[in-house]
Protein backbone atom coordinates (compact mmCIF):
# COMPACT_ATOMS: atom_id res chain seq x y z
CA MET A 1 0.00 0.00 0.00
CA GLN A 2 1.34 3.44 -0.90
CA SER A 3 1.45 6.06 1.82
CA ALA A 4 0.18 9.60 1.48
CA ILE A 5 2.74 12.14 2.68
CA GLY A 6 1.70 15.70 3.46
CA VAL A 7 4.31 18.40 3.97
CA VAL A 8 4.02 21.87 5.44
CA VAL A 9 6.85 24.00 4.06
CA TYR A 10 7.79 26.67 6.59
CA GLN A 11 10.06 29.60 7.25
CA SER A 12 9.30 29.93 11.00
CA GLN A 13 9.81 26.73 12.96
CA PRO A 14 8.11 27.94 16.20
CA LEU A 15 4.96 28.80 14.25
CA VAL A 16 4.79 25.42 12.50
CA ASP A 17 5.53 23.60 15.77
CA GLY A 18 2.56 25.31 17.41
CA LEU A 19 0.39 24.54 14.39
CA LEU A 20 1.18 20.81 14.58
CA VAL A 21 0.59 20.72 18.36
CA GLU A 22 -2.85 22.28 17.93
CA LEU A 23 -3.62 20.01 14.99
CA SER A 24 -2.78 16.94 17.09
CA ARG A 25 -5.21 18.17 19.77
CA ARG A 26 -7.97 18.58 17.22
CA LEU A 27 -7.36 15.15 15.71
CA ARG A 28 -7.47 13.52 19.14
CA ARG A 29 -10.86 15.16 19.74
CA ARG A 30 -11.96 13.33 16.58
CA ASP A 31 -10.75 10.08 18.22
CA LEU A 32 -8.06 9.52 15.63
CA ARG A 33 -5.27 7.21 16.73
CA LEU A 34 -2.07 9.17 16.27
CA ALA A 35 1.56 8.06 16.22
CA GLY A 36 4.71 10.12 15.98
CA LEU A 37 5.93 13.31 17.60
CA VAL A 38 5.12 17.00 17.88
CA GLN A 39 7.45 19.63 19.34
CA HIS A 40 6.62 21.91 22.26
CA ASN A 41 8.75 25.03 22.70
CA GLU A 42 9.00 26.80 26.05
CA ASP A 43 10.28 30.35 25.92
CA ASP A 44 12.78 31.27 28.62
CA ALA A 45 13.79 34.92 28.92
CA CYS A 46 16.85 33.92 31.00
CA THR A 47 18.51 31.78 28.35
CA ILE A 48 19.44 32.12 24.70
CA CYS A 49 16.88 29.47 23.78
CA GLY A 50 13.92 27.93 25.51
CA ASP A 51 13.39 24.29 26.24
CA MET A 52 12.28 22.05 23.39
CA ALA A 53 10.42 18.83 24.09
CA LEU A 54 8.98 16.19 21.81
CA GLU A 55 5.60 14.72 22.71
CA ASP A 56 4.94 11.10 21.80
CA LEU A 57 1.46 11.27 20.28
CA ALA A 58 0.53 7.73 21.32
CA THR A 59 1.25 8.19 25.04
CA GLY A 60 1.46 11.94 25.65
CA GLN A 61 4.92 11.51 27.17
CA ARG A 62 7.26 14.48 26.67
CA ILE A 63 11.00 14.16 26.30
CA LEU A 64 13.33 17.18 26.59
CA ILE A 65 15.48 17.44 23.45
CA SER A 66 17.38 20.68 24.06
CA GLU A 67 20.55 21.24 26.03
CA GLN A 68 21.24 24.53 27.71
CA ARG A 69 24.82 25.45 26.84
CA GLY A 70 25.35 27.97 29.61
CA PRO A 71 26.03 31.69 29.77
CA GLY A 72 27.55 33.23 26.67
CA ALA A 73 26.47 30.41 24.37
CA GLY A 74 25.40 31.50 20.91
CA GLY A 75 22.51 29.12 20.40
CA CYS A 76 20.68 25.96 21.29
CA ARG A 77 21.92 22.42 21.03
CA LEU A 78 19.91 19.34 20.29
CA ASP A 79 20.25 16.65 22.95
CA PRO A 80 21.04 13.43 21.04
CA GLN A 81 19.91 11.22 23.95
CA GLY A 82 16.54 12.98 24.14
CA LEU A 83 16.11 12.69 20.39
CA ALA A 84 17.03 8.99 20.44
CA MET A 85 14.56 8.29 23.25
CA SER A 86 11.85 10.19 21.38
CA ALA A 87 12.63 8.32 18.18
CA GLY A 88 12.26 5.01 20.03
CA LEU A 89 8.84 6.03 21.33
CA ALA A 90 7.81 7.16 17.85
CA ALA A 91 8.98 3.90 16.26
CA ALA A 92 6.99 1.89 18.80
CA SER A 93 3.83 3.91 18.19
CA ILE A 94 4.23 3.83 14.39
CA GLY A 95 4.67 0.07 14.56
CA ALA A 96 1.41 -0.44 16.49
CA ASP A 97 -1.53 -2.09 14.76
CA ASP A 98 -4.10 0.59 15.52
CA VAL A 99 -2.61 3.74 13.96
CA ASP A 100 -4.72 6.06 11.80
CA LEU A 101 -2.16 8.79 11.07
CA VAL A 102 1.49 9.67 11.75
CA ILE A 103 2.75 13.17 12.50
CA LEU A 104 6.51 13.64 12.62
CA ASN A 105 7.21 17.19 13.71
CA LYS A 106 9.75 17.96 11.04
CA PHE A 107 12.35 16.86 8.60
CA GLY A 108 15.14 19.05 9.91
CA LYS A 109 18.90 19.37 9.91
CA ALA A 110 19.45 16.06 11.73
CA GLU A 111 17.34 14.20 9.14
CA ALA A 112 18.98 16.04 6.24
CA GLU A 113 22.36 14.85 7.56
CA GLY A 114 21.19 11.22 7.65
CA GLY A 115 20.09 10.92 11.28
CA GLY A 116 17.24 12.17 13.43
CA LEU A 117 13.88 10.63 12.56
CA ARG A 118 14.77 9.27 9.10
CA ASP A 119 14.10 5.69 10.17
CA GLU A 120 10.73 6.66 11.62
CA PHE A 121 9.76 8.38 8.36
CA ALA A 122 10.73 5.22 6.48
CA LEU A 123 8.78 3.02 8.90
CA ALA A 124 5.60 5.10 8.55
CA VAL A 125 5.81 5.17 4.76
CA GLY A 126 6.72 1.49 4.62
CA ARG A 127 3.62 0.64 6.65
CA GLY A 128 1.46 2.67 4.25
CA LEU A 129 0.39 5.13 6.95
CA PRO A 130 -0.68 8.68 6.07
CA THR A 131 2.18 10.84 7.30
CA LEU A 132 2.33 14.56 7.95
CA THR A 133 5.51 16.54 8.52
CA ALA A 134 7.05 19.98 8.16
CA VAL A 135 10.12 20.93 6.15
CA GLY A 136 11.97 24.23 6.29
CA GLU A 137 12.23 26.03 2.97
CA ALA A 138 16.04 25.77 3.08
CA LEU A 139 15.88 21.97 3.54
CA LEU A 140 13.56 21.25 0.61
CA PRO A 141 16.44 19.96 -1.57
CA ALA A 142 17.44 17.46 1.15
CA TRP A 143 13.78 16.48 1.60
CA ARG A 144 13.38 15.90 -2.13
CA ALA A 145 16.55 13.79 -2.18
CA PHE A 146 15.11 11.71 0.67
CA ALA A 147 11.43 11.47 -0.32
CA GLY A 148 11.46 11.97 -4.07
CA ASP A 149 8.24 13.36 -5.53
CA ALA A 150 5.78 11.18 -3.59
CA TRP A 151 4.47 13.95 -1.32
CA GLN A 152 1.98 16.77 -1.34
CA ARG A 153 2.70 20.35 -0.25
CA LEU A 154 -0.04 21.51 2.13
CA GLU A 155 -1.27 24.96 3.03
CA PRO A 156 0.05 25.89 6.50
CA THR A 157 -3.34 26.49 8.09
CA LEU A 158 -5.08 24.49 10.78
CA GLY A 159 -8.19 24.02 8.65
CA ALA A 160 -6.30 22.79 5.60
CA LEU A 161 -4.15 20.39 7.61
CA GLU A 162 -7.10 18.98 9.53
CA ALA A 163 -9.06 18.48 6.31
CA TRP A 164 -6.10 16.67 4.69
CA CYS A 165 -5.63 14.40 7.71
CA VAL A 166 -9.32 13.52 7.95
CA ALA A 167 -9.47 12.82 4.20
CA GLN A 168 -6.41 10.54 4.41
CA VAL A 169 -7.89 8.56 7.30
CA ALA A 170 -11.25 8.32 5.53
CA GLY A 171 -9.46 7.11 2.38
CA ARG A 172 -7.84 4.32 4.39
CA ALA A 173 -11.23 3.41 5.84
CA GLY A 174 -12.59 3.15 2.31
CA ALA A 175 -9.70 0.83 1.47
CA GLY A 176 -10.69 -1.57 4.23
CA GLU A 177 -8.70 -0.18 7.15
CA ARG A 178 -10.45 0.09 10.52
CA VAL A 179 -10.82 3.74 11.54
CA SER A 180 -12.52 5.41 14.51
CA SER A 181 -14.74 8.31 13.64
């Protein structure tokens, strides 16, 4: 079975992160069974960057993925242990039998360099699950090299994303998959 892949192309990561968090809330209210990860960003006026945490959509568990680098640091740093733990949770949820839709917060620098959540993207697509992600404008060439042309660019609005997700789940239901409504 071929998977449908929807992509939000963005220029502002915090805005798209918030959009995907709110979308996941709406889809849960529709009783859709979600797998994957969304990113929560906590602003902190005392540090150069706020905390970043990934939420496992199957369990609600949040894992911190940012490291504070201390005073004078010029930016944030991704915590590889937090990302690996999050990836493990995502893989487990994507591999479950009762998944309607996968959201993987983004195809970012780590994925473009061959790491991050690449395996989880491949697992979702390999299982034929509708998959939604976000890709920064600057990383579109790396995304295309990874995914080819088998994806659809989506309008970055809550209504458009929710409609796409619901249509994908309904399409699977029409193809004989069990789906909650």
